[in-house]
Amino acid sequence: MAERSEASGEEVFRALGMDSVCTRVYLRMLAEPEATAAELAEQLAVNETDVSSALDSLADLTLLRAARETPGELVPVSVERALQILLRRSTEQLAVQRSGIATLQSAMEGLLASSGDHGVARRDARVEVVQGLDSVQNRLEGLTTRAGREVASVLPGGPQAIRTLEAARPLDEDLARRGLALRSLYQQSMKTDHYNLDYARWLGGLGAEIRCAPVVPSRMIVIDRSVAIVPLDPEDPRKGALVVQEPGLVAPLLALFEQAWESADPLDPVAGGPQGEDFQPSAQERALLKLLAAGLTDEGAAKRLGISVRTARRIMAGLMDRLDASSRFEAGYRAAERNWL
């Protein structure tokens, strides 16, 4: 009966968007809240690295909270609270998707009405919906095959999945070989993964310009300054993409890219730097300080930076240590004194 109940619980959590490892780690922590990552990995017969990633994901979902009895430790929230959080998240994602579809339908109806030809096929519209990763990949390959000048990309969030990079490698290589100008804007958190960093260096070696910024716009690809591809749902690119060729819609997307590009820094794989009074925070550290000073929570700031909540807190703890501050308020004051904000 216990096994059946646990299996049923896993099905509920997976139905609400949690992957299998996160679900099993969360349920095991409920039973043994004091278990370490190594102990959880052994009990669940999974890799400890996967458990650590699951803990980061659970923290990002706010399914873990700071323990009151043992400061510095994280414990799972109650099942009731977890289900409420996940249900609200699923509802919000569904609302975003519905809103995106409604906006798209309205745009298409307006375009068709202005053309005076209500018989125009969907494929001839200036705004097109492409659903499914394979279909998006095929459409992107078709568009880039006809590209003649430039491909500009924004890649927000943390490290890209290896399979995503491998799927993009032949396309990027072909574009570089044809002599197109390639500009890729990554979020700085990408550099925490050696595979992603190696890929960016490889792409730069082909002649592409690579820049990084702590905060970047939503995912997009702009081809020849006339066609833009954006995700249907920025939170889940797997749902599909919009292919936009209407100049009035492409222009602001291109302007957004250019603004972000100008404020970004060239890819710099060298980490570290001077400490003490001569220490200068990285762009990511400055961005975190500014977001927290603006009133964002750890969770909100981490989401904007494309990092886990645990990483954001670790960065902030490091800054407090360098500033010799005993509180975040004091850290903010001292950072302002050093003109970091």
C-alpha atoms as a PDB file:
ATOM      1  CA  MET A   1       0.000   0.000   0.000  1.00  0.00           C
ATOM      2  CA  ALA A   2       2.843   2.410   0.853  1.00  0.00           C
ATOM      3  CA  GLU A   3       4.504   1.782  -2.516  1.00  0.00           C
ATOM      4  CA  ARG A   4       1.215   2.346  -4.320  1.00  0.00           C
ATOM      5  CA  SER A   5       0.635   5.598  -2.404  1.00  0.00           C
ATOM      6  CA  GLU A   6       4.173   6.812  -3.201  1.00  0.00           C
ATOM      7  CA  ALA A   7       3.750   5.952  -6.887  1.00  0.00           C
ATOM      8  CA  SER A   8       0.435   7.812  -6.940  1.00  0.00           C
ATOM      9  CA  GLY A   9       2.124  10.819  -5.335  1.00  0.00           C
ATOM     10  CA  GLU A  10       4.838  10.811  -7.980  1.00  0.00           C
ATOM     11  CA  GLU A  11       2.196  10.787 -10.733  1.00  0.00           C
ATOM     12  CA  VAL A  12       0.484  13.843  -9.229  1.00  0.00           C
ATOM     13  CA  PHE A  13       3.713  15.840  -8.979  1.00  0.00           C
ATOM     14  CA  ARG A  14       4.811  14.878 -12.500  1.00  0.00           C
ATOM     15  CA  ALA A  15       1.405  15.904 -13.817  1.00  0.00           C
ATOM     16  CA  LEU A  16       2.068  19.332 -12.317  1.00  0.00           C
ATOM     17  CA  GLY A  17       5.369  19.700 -14.178  1.00  0.00           C
ATOM     18  CA  MET A  18       7.958  18.183 -11.799  1.00  0.00           C
ATOM     19  CA  ASP A  19      10.441  15.747 -13.314  1.00  0.00           C
ATOM     20  CA  SER A  20      10.958  12.287 -11.852  1.00  0.00           C
ATOM     21  CA  VAL A  21      14.206  12.978  -9.955  1.00  0.00           C
ATOM     22  CA  CYS A  22      12.899  16.204  -8.370  1.00  0.00           C
ATOM     23  CA  THR A  23       9.711  14.427  -7.339  1.00  0.00           C
ATOM     24  CA  ARG A  24      11.541  11.495  -5.761  1.00  0.00           C
ATOM     25  CA  VAL A  25      14.031  13.777  -3.974  1.00  0.00           C
ATOM     26  CA  TYR A  26      11.226  15.941  -2.579  1.00  0.00           C
ATOM     27  CA  LEU A  27       9.191  12.962  -1.353  1.00  0.00           C
ATOM     28  CA  ARG A  28      12.262  11.357   0.204  1.00  0.00           C
ATOM     29  CA  MET A  29      13.141  14.620   1.979  1.00  0.00           C
ATOM     30  CA  LEU A  30       9.656  14.686   3.450  1.00  0.00           C
ATOM     31  CA  ALA A  31      10.349  11.288   4.977  1.00  0.00           C
ATOM     32  CA  GLU A  32      13.943  12.124   5.983  1.00  0.00           C
ATOM     33  CA  PRO A  33      14.388  15.925   6.109  1.00  0.00           C
ATOM     34  CA  GLU A  34      17.893  15.637   7.601  1.00  0.00           C
ATOM     35  CA  ALA A  35      19.296  13.397   4.844  1.00  0.00           C
ATOM     36  CA  THR A  36      22.302  14.779   2.960  1.00  0.00           C
ATOM     37  CA  ALA A  37      22.578  14.876  -0.841  1.00  0.00           C
ATOM     38  CA  ALA A  38      24.872  11.839  -0.711  1.00  0.00           C
ATOM     39  CA  GLU A  39      22.411   9.922   1.446  1.00  0.00           C
ATOM     40  CA  LEU A  40      19.510  10.864  -0.812  1.00  0.00           C
ATOM     41  CA  ALA A  41      21.475   9.697  -3.859  1.00  0.00           C
ATOM     42  CA  GLU A  42      22.231   6.357  -2.208  1.00  0.00           C
ATOM     43  CA  GLN A  43      18.639   5.798  -1.068  1.00  0.00           C
ATOM     44  CA  LEU A  44      17.180   6.715  -4.467  1.00  0.00           C
ATOM     45  CA  ALA A  45      19.913   4.936  -6.458  1.00  0.00           C
ATOM     46  CA  VAL A  46      20.668   8.033  -8.550  1.00  0.00           C
ATOM     47  CA  ASN A  47      23.777  10.113  -9.231  1.00  0.00           C
ATOM     48  CA  GLU A  48      24.650  12.645  -6.521  1.00  0.00           C
ATOM     49  CA  THR A  49      25.062  15.337  -9.195  1.00  0.00           C
ATOM     50  CA  ASP A  50      21.466  14.720 -10.270  1.00  0.00           C
ATOM     51  CA  VAL A  51      20.332  15.051  -6.651  1.00  0.00           C
ATOM     52  CA  SER A  52      22.192  18.383  -6.312  1.00  0.00           C
ATOM     53  CA  SER A  53      20.544  19.648  -9.518  1.00  0.00           C
ATOM     54  CA  ALA A  54      17.170  18.501  -8.195  1.00  0.00           C
ATOM     55  CA  LEU A  55      17.765  20.400  -4.950  1.00  0.00           C
ATOM     56  CA  ASP A  56      18.538  23.561  -6.946  1.00  0.00           C
ATOM     57  CA  SER A  57      15.335  23.084  -8.949  1.00  0.00           C
ATOM     58  CA  LEU A  58      13.285  22.513  -5.804  1.00  0.00           C
ATOM     59  CA  ALA A  59      14.750  25.687  -4.288  1.00  0.00           C
ATOM     60  CA  ASP A  60      13.908  27.641  -7.460  1.00  0.00           C
ATOM     61  CA  LEU A  61      10.333  26.330  -7.239  1.00  0.00           C
ATOM     62  CA  THR A  62      10.259  27.429  -3.552  1.00  0.00           C
ATOM     63  CA  LEU A  63       9.473  23.858  -2.523  1.00  0.00           C
ATOM     64  CA  LEU A  64      12.334  24.096  -0.023  1.00  0.00           C
ATOM     65  CA  ARG A  65      12.497  26.643   2.793  1.00  0.00           C
ATOM     66  CA  ALA A  66      15.077  27.659   5.369  1.00  0.00           C
ATOM     67  CA  ALA A  67      14.970  25.430   8.432  1.00  0.00           C
ATOM     68  CA  ARG A  68      14.025  27.254  11.626  1.00  0.00           C
ATOM     69  CA  GLU A  69      15.817  24.868  13.980  1.00  0.00           C
ATOM     70  CA  THR A  70      19.047  24.496  11.987  1.00  0.00           C
ATOM     71  CA  PRO A  71      19.975  27.795  10.275  1.00  0.00           C
ATOM     72  CA  GLY A  72      21.590  27.354   6.868  1.00  0.00           C
ATOM     73  CA  GLU A  73      19.745  24.119   6.133  1.00  0.00           C
ATOM     74  CA  LEU A  74      16.837  23.691   3.725  1.00  0.00           C
ATOM     75  CA  VAL A  75      13.769  21.562   4.439  1.00  0.00           C
ATOM     76  CA  PRO A  76      10.808  20.690   2.190  1.00  0.00           C
ATOM     77  CA  VAL A  77       7.557  22.591   2.478  1.00  0.00           C
ATOM     78  CA  SER A  78       4.427  20.593   3.262  1.00  0.00           C
ATOM     79  CA  VAL A  79       2.732  18.540   0.567  1.00  0.00           C
ATOM     80  CA  GLU A  80      -0.274  20.866   0.701  1.00  0.00           C
ATOM     81  CA  ARG A  81       1.918  23.908   0.153  1.00  0.00           C
ATOM     82  CA  ALA A  82       3.923  22.196  -2.608  1.00  0.00           C
ATOM     83  CA  LEU A  83       0.786  21.219  -4.520  1.00  0.00           C
ATOM     84  CA  GLN A  84      -0.556  24.763  -4.174  1.00  0.00           C
ATOM     85  CA  ILE A  85       2.700  26.230  -5.551  1.00  0.00           C
ATOM     86  CA  LEU A  86       2.879  23.803  -8.479  1.00  0.00           C
ATOM     87  CA  LEU A  87      -0.798  24.196  -9.332  1.00  0.00           C
ATOM     88  CA  ARG A  88      -0.474  27.990  -9.350  1.00  0.00           C
ATOM     89  CA  ARG A  89       2.629  27.729 -11.542  1.00  0.00           C
ATOM     90  CA  SER A  90       0.849  25.442 -14.024  1.00  0.00           C
ATOM     91  CA  THR A  91      -2.149  27.780 -14.088  1.00  0.00           C
ATOM     92  CA  GLU A  92       0.075  30.803 -14.752  1.00  0.00           C
ATOM     93  CA  GLN A  93       1.890  28.997 -17.564  1.00  0.00           C
ATOM     94  CA  LEU A  94      -1.424  28.038 -19.134  1.00  0.00           C
ATOM     95  CA  ALA A  95      -2.595  31.645 -18.886  1.00  0.00           C
ATOM     96  CA  VAL A  96       0.601  32.845 -20.590  1.00  0.00           C
ATOM     97  CA  GLN A  97       0.118  30.325 -23.374  1.00  0.00           C
ATOM     98  CA  ARG A  98      -3.514  31.294 -23.879  1.00  0.00           C
ATOM     99  CA  SER A  99      -2.600  34.981 -23.867  1.00  0.00           C
ATOM    100  CA  GLY A 100       0.118  34.371 -26.455  1.00  0.00           C
ATOM    101  CA  ILE A 101      -2.256  32.494 -28.706  1.00  0.00           C
ATOM    102  CA  ALA A 102      -4.951  35.175 -28.324  1.00  0.00           C
ATOM    103  CA  THR A 103      -2.443  37.913 -29.178  1.00  0.00           C
ATOM    104  CA  LEU A 104      -1.266  35.954 -32.182  1.00  0.00           C
ATOM    105  CA  GLN A 105      -4.809  35.353 -33.420  1.00  0.00           C
ATOM    106  CA  SER A 106      -5.617  39.035 -33.061  1.00  0.00           C
ATOM    107  CA  ALA A 107      -2.465  40.022 -34.951  1.00  0.00           C
ATOM    108  CA  MET A 108      -3.173  37.579 -37.759  1.00  0.00           C
ATOM    109  CA  GLU A 109      -6.801  38.670 -38.072  1.00  0.00           C
ATOM    110  CA  GLY A 110      -5.677  42.294 -38.297  1.00  0.00           C
ATOM    111  CA  LEU A 111      -3.096  41.507 -40.949  1.00  0.00           C
ATOM    112  CA  LEU A 112      -5.539  39.475 -43.012  1.00  0.00           C
ATOM    113  CA  ALA A 113      -8.217  42.145 -42.706  1.00  0.00           C
ATOM    114  CA  SER A 114      -5.844  44.901 -43.801  1.00  0.00           C
ATOM    115  CA  SER A 115      -4.779  42.868 -46.821  1.00  0.00           C
ATOM    116  CA  GLY A 116      -8.370  42.511 -47.948  1.00  0.00           C
ATOM    117  CA  ASP A 117      -7.771  38.859 -48.786  1.00  0.00           C
ATOM    118  CA  HIS A 118      -9.377  36.512 -46.269  1.00  0.00           C
ATOM    119  CA  GLY A 119      -8.333  33.525 -48.308  1.00  0.00           C
ATOM    120  CA  VAL A 120      -4.631  33.906 -47.506  1.00  0.00           C
ATOM    121  CA  ALA A 121      -3.240  30.606 -46.286  1.00  0.00           C
ATOM    122  CA  ARG A 122      -1.716  30.346 -42.811  1.00  0.00           C
ATOM    123  CA  ARG A 123       1.749  29.790 -44.277  1.00  0.00           C
ATOM    124  CA  ASP A 124       1.551  33.132 -46.120  1.00  0.00           C
ATOM    125  CA  ALA A 125       0.795  35.143 -42.976  1.00  0.00           C
ATOM    126  CA  ARG A 126       3.417  37.561 -41.690  1.00  0.00           C
ATOM    127  CA  VAL A 127       3.152  35.943 -38.249  1.00  0.00           C
ATOM    128  CA  GLU A 128       3.322  32.159 -38.199  1.00  0.00           C
ATOM    129  CA  VAL A 129       2.978  29.571 -35.440  1.00  0.00           C
ATOM    130  CA  VAL A 130       5.356  26.612 -35.494  1.00  0.00           C
ATOM    131  CA  GLN A 131       4.713  23.896 -32.910  1.00  0.00           C
ATOM    132  CA  GLY A 132       7.117  21.203 -31.722  1.00  0.00           C
ATOM    133  CA  LEU A 133      10.907  21.229 -31.405  1.00  0.00           C
ATOM    134  CA  ASP A 134      11.510  19.306 -34.635  1.00  0.00           C
ATOM    135  CA  SER A 135       9.202  21.594 -36.618  1.00  0.00           C
ATOM    136  CA  VAL A 136      10.905  24.665 -35.165  1.00  0.00           C
ATOM    137  CA  GLN A 137      14.314  23.216 -36.044  1.00  0.00           C
ATOM    138  CA  ASN A 138      13.189  22.508 -39.630  1.00  0.00           C
ATOM    139  CA  ARG A 139      11.724  26.003 -40.023  1.00  0.00           C
ATOM    140  CA  LEU A 140      14.870  27.589 -38.618  1.00  0.00           C
ATOM    141  CA  GLU A 141      17.053  25.580 -40.984  1.00  0.00           C
ATOM    142  CA  GLY A 142      14.929  26.712 -43.917  1.00  0.00           C
ATOM    143  CA  LEU A 143      15.123  30.373 -42.939  1.00  0.00           C
ATOM    144  CA  THR A 144      18.860  30.361 -42.264  1.00  0.00           C
ATOM    145  CA  THR A 145      19.519  28.568 -45.545  1.00  0.00           C
ATOM    146  CA  ARG A 146      18.134  31.646 -47.308  1.00  0.00           C
ATOM    147  CA  ALA A 147      19.936  34.090 -44.988  1.00  0.00           C
ATOM    148  CA  GLY A 148      22.365  36.365 -46.789  1.00  0.00           C
ATOM    149  CA  ARG A 149      23.838  38.783 -44.230  1.00  0.00           C
ATOM    150  CA  GLU A 150      23.435  38.183 -40.518  1.00  0.00           C
ATOM    151  CA  VAL A 151      22.007  35.958 -37.794  1.00  0.00           C
ATOM    152  CA  ALA A 152      21.672  37.530 -34.325  1.00  0.00           C
ATOM    153  CA  SER A 153      20.674  35.377 -31.345  1.00  0.00           C
ATOM    154  CA  VAL A 154      19.769  35.865 -27.690  1.00  0.00           C
ATOM    155  CA  LEU A 155      20.185  32.838 -25.414  1.00  0.00           C
ATOM    156  CA  PRO A 156      18.815  33.590 -21.932  1.00  0.00           C
ATOM    157  CA  GLY A 157      18.924  31.384 -18.872  1.00  0.00           C
ATOM    158  CA  GLY A 158      21.727  29.191 -17.627  1.00  0.00           C
ATOM    159  CA  PRO A 159      23.715  26.624 -19.596  1.00  0.00           C
ATOM    160  CA  GLN A 160      21.999  25.248 -22.696  1.00  0.00           C
ATOM    161  CA  ALA A 161      21.311  21.506 -22.820  1.00  0.00           C
ATOM    162  CA  ILE A 162      24.018  19.502 -24.577  1.00  0.00           C
ATOM    163  CA  ARG A 163      21.499  18.069 -27.054  1.00  0.00           C
ATOM    164  CA  THR A 164      20.412  21.626 -27.924  1.00  0.00           C
ATOM    165  CA  LEU A 165      23.989  22.658 -28.648  1.00  0.00           C
ATOM    166  CA  GLU A 166      24.667  19.558 -30.713  1.00  0.00           C
ATOM    167  CA  ALA A 167      21.556  20.214 -32.786  1.00  0.00           C
ATOM    168  CA  ALA A 168      22.752  23.789 -33.412  1.00  0.00           C
ATOM    169  CA  ARG A 169      26.376  22.900 -34.232  1.00  0.00           C
ATOM    170  CA  PRO A 170      25.940  21.926 -37.943  1.00  0.00           C
ATOM    171  CA  LEU A 171      23.759  24.971 -38.544  1.00  0.00           C
ATOM    172  CA  ASP A 172      26.218  27.371 -36.872  1.00  0.00           C
ATOM    173  CA  GLU A 173      29.128  25.848 -38.766  1.00  0.00           C
ATOM    174  CA  ASP A 174      27.336  26.221 -42.088  1.00  0.00           C
ATOM    175  CA  LEU A 175      26.439  29.861 -41.395  1.00  0.00           C
ATOM    176  CA  ALA A 176      30.044  30.682 -40.473  1.00  0.00           C
ATOM    177  CA  ARG A 177      31.387  28.869 -43.541  1.00  0.00           C
ATOM    178  CA  ARG A 178      29.106  30.953 -45.758  1.00  0.00           C
ATOM    179  CA  GLY A 179      30.577  34.134 -44.283  1.00  0.00           C
ATOM    180  CA  LEU A 180      27.469  35.456 -42.531  1.00  0.00           C
ATOM    181  CA  ALA A 181      27.874  37.826 -39.589  1.00  0.00           C
ATOM    182  CA  LEU A 182      26.989  35.852 -36.463  1.00  0.00           C
ATOM    183  CA  ARG A 183      26.236  37.597 -33.165  1.00  0.00           C
ATOM    184  CA  SER A 184      25.279  35.572 -30.083  1.00  0.00           C
ATOM    185  CA  LEU A 185      24.276  37.164 -26.783  1.00  0.00           C
ATOM    186  CA  TYR A 186      24.452  34.773 -23.833  1.00  0.00           C
ATOM    187  CA  GLN A 187      23.434  35.188 -20.232  1.00  0.00           C
ATOM    188  CA  GLN A 188      26.530  35.279 -18.072  1.00  0.00           C
ATOM    189  CA  SER A 189      25.447  32.253 -16.033  1.00  0.00           C
ATOM    190  CA  MET A 190      26.188  30.172 -19.142  1.00  0.00           C
ATOM    191  CA  LYS A 191      29.889  30.394 -18.272  1.00  0.00           C
ATOM    192  CA  THR A 192      29.445  28.157 -15.223  1.00  0.00           C
ATOM    193  CA  ASP A 193      29.266  25.115 -17.521  1.00  0.00           C
ATOM    194  CA  HIS A 194      32.489  24.066 -19.280  1.00  0.00           C
ATOM    195  CA  TYR A 195      30.631  22.444 -22.206  1.00  0.00           C
ATOM    196  CA  ASN A 196      28.692  25.639 -22.943  1.00  0.00           C
ATOM    197  CA  LEU A 197      31.823  27.743 -22.545  1.00  0.00           C
ATOM    198  CA  ASP A 198      33.749  25.470 -24.908  1.00  0.00           C
ATOM    199  CA  TYR A 199      30.920  25.709 -27.436  1.00  0.00           C
ATOM    200  CA  ALA A 200      30.920  29.522 -27.245  1.00  0.00           C
ATOM    201  CA  ARG A 201      34.694  29.558 -27.719  1.00  0.00           C
ATOM    202  CA  TRP A 202      34.374  27.194 -30.683  1.00  0.00           C
ATOM    203  CA  LEU A 203      31.723  29.443 -32.215  1.00  0.00           C
ATOM    204  CA  GLY A 204      33.936  32.475 -31.634  1.00  0.00           C
ATOM    205  CA  GLY A 205      36.777  30.633 -33.345  1.00  0.00           C
ATOM    206  CA  LEU A 206      34.595  30.388 -36.456  1.00  0.00           C
ATOM    207  CA  GLY A 207      34.355  34.174 -36.560  1.00  0.00           C
ATOM    208  CA  ALA A 208      31.173  34.744 -34.547  1.00  0.00           C
ATOM    209  CA  GLU A 209      30.947  37.620 -32.076  1.00  0.00           C
ATOM    210  CA  ILE A 210      30.056  36.393 -28.590  1.00  0.00           C
ATOM    211  CA  ARG A 211      28.952  38.665 -25.772  1.00  0.00           C
ATOM    212  CA  CYS A 212      27.584  38.036 -22.286  1.00  0.00           C
ATOM    213  CA  ALA A 213      25.426  40.040 -19.888  1.00  0.00           C
ATOM    214  CA  PRO A 214      23.964  39.277 -16.459  1.00  0.00           C
ATOM    215  CA  VAL A 215      20.438  39.978 -17.696  1.00  0.00           C
ATOM    216  CA  VAL A 216      19.371  39.545 -21.323  1.00  0.00           C
ATOM    217  CA  PRO A 217      16.037  39.843 -23.189  1.00  0.00           C
ATOM    218  CA  SER A 218      13.848  36.873 -24.013  1.00  0.00           C
ATOM    219  CA  ARG A 219      15.087  34.193 -26.384  1.00  0.00           C
ATOM    220  CA  MET A 220      15.067  35.309 -30.009  1.00  0.00           C
ATOM    221  CA  ILE A 221      16.785  34.859 -33.362  1.00  0.00           C
ATOM    222  CA  VAL A 222      16.767  37.689 -35.905  1.00  0.00           C
ATOM    223  CA  ILE A 223      17.759  36.813 -39.490  1.00  0.00           C
ATOM    224  CA  ASP A 224      18.873  39.466 -41.966  1.00  0.00           C
ATOM    225  CA  ARG A 225      17.173  42.078 -39.751  1.00  0.00           C
ATOM    226  CA  SER A 226      13.869  41.118 -41.343  1.00  0.00           C
ATOM    227  CA  VAL A 227      12.720  37.824 -39.780  1.00  0.00           C
ATOM    228  CA  ALA A 228      12.452  37.111 -36.034  1.00  0.00           C
ATOM    229  CA  ILE A 229      11.877  33.775 -34.327  1.00  0.00           C
ATOM    230  CA  VAL A 230      10.655  33.947 -30.720  1.00  0.00           C
ATOM    231  CA  PRO A 231       9.269  31.219 -28.428  1.00  0.00           C
ATOM    232  CA  LEU A 232       5.519  30.876 -28.107  1.00  0.00           C
ATOM    233  CA  ASP A 233       6.049  30.552 -24.353  1.00  0.00           C
ATOM    234  CA  PRO A 234       9.337  32.073 -23.059  1.00  0.00           C
ATOM    235  CA  GLU A 235       9.196  29.740 -20.038  1.00  0.00           C
ATOM    236  CA  ASP A 236       8.990  26.615 -22.196  1.00  0.00           C
ATOM    237  CA  PRO A 237      10.565  26.776 -25.695  1.00  0.00           C
ATOM    238  CA  ARG A 238       9.383  23.208 -26.336  1.00  0.00           C
ATOM    239  CA  LYS A 239       5.867  24.512 -26.952  1.00  0.00           C
ATOM    240  CA  GLY A 240       6.858  26.073 -30.251  1.00  0.00           C
ATOM    241  CA  ALA A 241       7.779  29.389 -31.793  1.00  0.00           C
ATOM    242  CA  LEU A 242       6.462  32.398 -33.638  1.00  0.00           C
ATOM    243  CA  VAL A 243       8.063  33.292 -36.966  1.00  0.00           C
ATOM    244  CA  VAL A 244       7.532  37.027 -37.425  1.00  0.00           C
ATOM    245  CA  GLN A 245       8.124  38.791 -40.752  1.00  0.00           C
ATOM    246  CA  GLU A 246       5.926  41.843 -40.189  1.00  0.00           C
ATOM    247  CA  PRO A 247       8.323  44.858 -40.224  1.00  0.00           C
ATOM    248  CA  GLY A 248       6.353  46.668 -37.515  1.00  0.00           C
ATOM    249  CA  LEU A 249       6.938  43.715 -35.155  1.00  0.00           C
ATOM    250  CA  VAL A 250      10.492  42.827 -36.187  1.00  0.00           C
ATOM    251  CA  ALA A 251      11.795  46.401 -35.721  1.00  0.00           C
ATOM    252  CA  PRO A 252      11.222  46.627 -31.930  1.00  0.00           C
ATOM    253  CA  LEU A 253      12.660  43.134 -31.419  1.00  0.00           C
ATOM    254  CA  LEU A 254      15.772  44.126 -33.348  1.00  0.00           C
ATOM    255  CA  ALA A 255      16.041  47.378 -31.379  1.00  0.00           C
ATOM    256  CA  LEU A 256      15.809  45.396 -28.135  1.00  0.00           C
ATOM    257  CA  PHE A 257      18.607  43.106 -29.296  1.00  0.00           C
ATOM    258  CA  GLU A 258      20.847  46.014 -30.297  1.00  0.00           C
ATOM    259  CA  GLN A 259      20.322  47.776 -26.965  1.00  0.00           C
ATOM    260  CA  ALA A 260      21.206  44.609 -25.022  1.00  0.00           C
ATOM    261  CA  TRP A 261      24.161  43.914 -27.323  1.00  0.00           C
ATOM    262  CA  GLU A 262      25.686  47.349 -26.792  1.00  0.00           C
ATOM    263  CA  SER A 263      25.590  46.984 -23.010  1.00  0.00           C
ATOM    264  CA  ALA A 264      27.021  43.431 -23.001  1.00  0.00           C
ATOM    265  CA  ASP A 265      30.688  42.462 -22.620  1.00  0.00           C
ATOM    266  CA  PRO A 266      32.761  40.293 -24.974  1.00  0.00           C
ATOM    267  CA  LEU A 267      33.097  36.691 -23.836  1.00  0.00           C
ATOM    268  CA  ASP A 268      35.848  36.522 -21.207  1.00  0.00           C
ATOM    269  CA  PRO A 269      36.676  32.970 -20.042  1.00  0.00           C
ATOM    270  CA  VAL A 270      39.153  34.216 -17.431  1.00  0.00           C
ATOM    271  CA  ALA A 271      37.638  34.174 -13.948  1.00  0.00           C
ATOM    272  CA  GLY A 272      38.854  35.728 -10.738  1.00  0.00           C
ATOM    273  CA  GLY A 273      40.577  39.031 -10.101  1.00  0.00           C
ATOM    274  CA  PRO A 274      41.996  41.189  -7.335  1.00  0.00           C
ATOM    275  CA  GLN A 275      40.593  40.935  -3.857  1.00  0.00           C
ATOM    276  CA  GLY A 276      40.330  43.325  -0.902  1.00  0.00           C
ATOM    277  CA  GLU A 277      40.000  47.053  -1.537  1.00  0.00           C
ATOM    278  CA  ASP A 278      41.048  46.633  -5.175  1.00  0.00           C
ATOM    279  CA  PHE A 279      38.365  44.045  -5.839  1.00  0.00           C
ATOM    280  CA  GLN A 280      35.776  44.992  -8.429  1.00  0.00           C
ATOM    281  CA  PRO A 281      32.593  42.896  -8.684  1.00  0.00           C
ATOM    282  CA  SER A 282      31.764  41.125 -11.906  1.00  0.00           C
ATOM    283  CA  ALA A 283      28.861  42.283 -14.049  1.00  0.00           C
ATOM    284  CA  GLN A 284      26.784  39.422 -12.651  1.00  0.00           C
ATOM    285  CA  GLU A 285      27.572  40.419  -9.060  1.00  0.00           C
ATOM    286  CA  ARG A 286      26.718  44.074  -9.770  1.00  0.00           C
ATOM    287  CA  ALA A 287      23.439  43.014 -11.390  1.00  0.00           C
ATOM    288  CA  LEU A 288      22.523  40.889  -8.366  1.00  0.00           C
ATOM    289  CA  LEU A 289      23.234  43.792  -5.996  1.00  0.00           C
ATOM    290  CA  LYS A 290      21.100  46.153  -8.089  1.00  0.00           C
ATOM    291  CA  LEU A 291      18.188  43.703  -8.331  1.00  0.00           C
ATOM    292  CA  LEU A 292      18.174  43.059  -4.591  1.00  0.00           C
ATOM    293  CA  ALA A 293      18.527  46.791  -3.885  1.00  0.00           C
ATOM    294  CA  ALA A 294      15.500  47.363  -6.142  1.00  0.00           C
ATOM    295  CA  GLY A 295      13.438  45.145  -3.848  1.00  0.00           C
ATOM    296  CA  LEU A 296      13.452  41.824  -5.715  1.00  0.00           C
ATOM    297  CA  THR A 297      13.467  38.654  -3.644  1.00  0.00           C
ATOM    298  CA  ASP A 298      16.274  36.107  -3.944  1.00  0.00           C
ATOM    299  CA  GLU A 299      13.958  34.040  -6.121  1.00  0.00           C
ATOM    300  CA  GLY A 300      13.079  36.966  -8.398  1.00  0.00           C
ATOM    301  CA  ALA A 301      16.691  38.095  -8.770  1.00  0.00           C
ATOM    302  CA  ALA A 302      17.873  34.549  -9.481  1.00  0.00           C
ATOM    303  CA  LYS A 303      15.235  34.136 -12.195  1.00  0.00           C
ATOM    304  CA  ARG A 304      16.263  37.389 -13.874  1.00  0.00           C
ATOM    305  CA  LEU A 305      19.912  36.293 -13.844  1.00  0.00           C
ATOM    306  CA  GLY A 306      19.229  32.757 -15.051  1.00  0.00           C
ATOM    307  CA  ILE A 307      20.775  31.134 -11.982  1.00  0.00           C
ATOM    308  CA  SER A 308      19.458  29.040  -9.111  1.00  0.00           C
ATOM    309  CA  VAL A 309      18.362  30.647  -5.854  1.00  0.00           C
ATOM    310  CA  ARG A 310      21.137  28.748  -4.106  1.00  0.00           C
ATOM    311  CA  THR A 311      23.728  30.270  -6.464  1.00  0.00           C
ATOM    312  CA  ALA A 312      22.305  33.787  -5.964  1.00  0.00           C
ATOM    313  CA  ARG A 313      22.565  33.386  -2.208  1.00  0.00           C
ATOM    314  CA  ARG A 314      26.104  32.026  -2.489  1.00  0.00           C
ATOM    315  CA  ILE A 315      27.150  35.032  -4.630  1.00  0.00           C
ATOM    316  CA  MET A 316      25.552  37.422  -2.140  1.00  0.00           C
ATOM    317  CA  ALA A 317      27.270  35.704   0.776  1.00  0.00           C
ATOM    318  CA  GLY A 318      30.614  36.110  -1.018  1.00  0.00           C
ATOM    319  CA  LEU A 319      29.970  39.807  -1.587  1.00  0.00           C
ATOM    320  CA  MET A 320      29.036  40.320   2.061  1.00  0.00           C
ATOM    321  CA  ASP A 321      32.269  38.609   3.072  1.00  0.00           C
ATOM    322  CA  ARG A 322      34.353  40.841   0.754  1.00  0.00           C
ATOM    323  CA  LEU A 323      32.551  43.929   2.042  1.00  0.00           C
ATOM    324  CA  ASP A 324      32.950  42.771   5.646  1.00  0.00           C
ATOM    325  CA  ALA A 325      29.213  43.328   6.088  1.00  0.00           C
ATOM    326  CA  SER A 326      27.129  41.594   8.736  1.00  0.00           C
ATOM    327  CA  SER A 327      23.800  42.199   6.952  1.00  0.00           C
ATOM    328  CA  ARG A 328      22.501  42.773   3.452  1.00  0.00           C
ATOM    329  CA  PHE A 329      21.545  46.321   4.365  1.00  0.00           C
ATOM    330  CA  GLU A 330      25.122  47.013   5.431  1.00  0.00           C
ATOM    331  CA  ALA A 331      26.398  45.313   2.270  1.00  0.00           C
ATOM    332  CA  GLY A 332      24.188  47.569   0.147  1.00  0.00           C
ATOM    333  CA  TYR A 333      25.438  50.651   1.953  1.00  0.00           C
ATOM    334  CA  ARG A 334      29.096  49.682   1.536  1.00  0.00           C
ATOM    335  CA  ALA A 335      28.567  48.716  -2.108  1.00  0.00           C
ATOM    336  CA  ALA A 336      27.087  52.160  -2.743  1.00  0.00           C
ATOM    337  CA  GLU A 337      30.091  53.747  -1.009  1.00  0.00           C
ATOM    338  CA  ARG A 338      32.375  51.957  -3.476  1.00  0.00           C
ATOM    339  CA  ASN A 339      30.190  53.037  -6.427  1.00  0.00           C
ATOM    340  CA  TRP A 340      29.267  49.445  -7.230  1.00  0.00           C
ATOM    341  CA  LEU A 341      25.578  50.314  -7.608  1.00  0.00           C
END
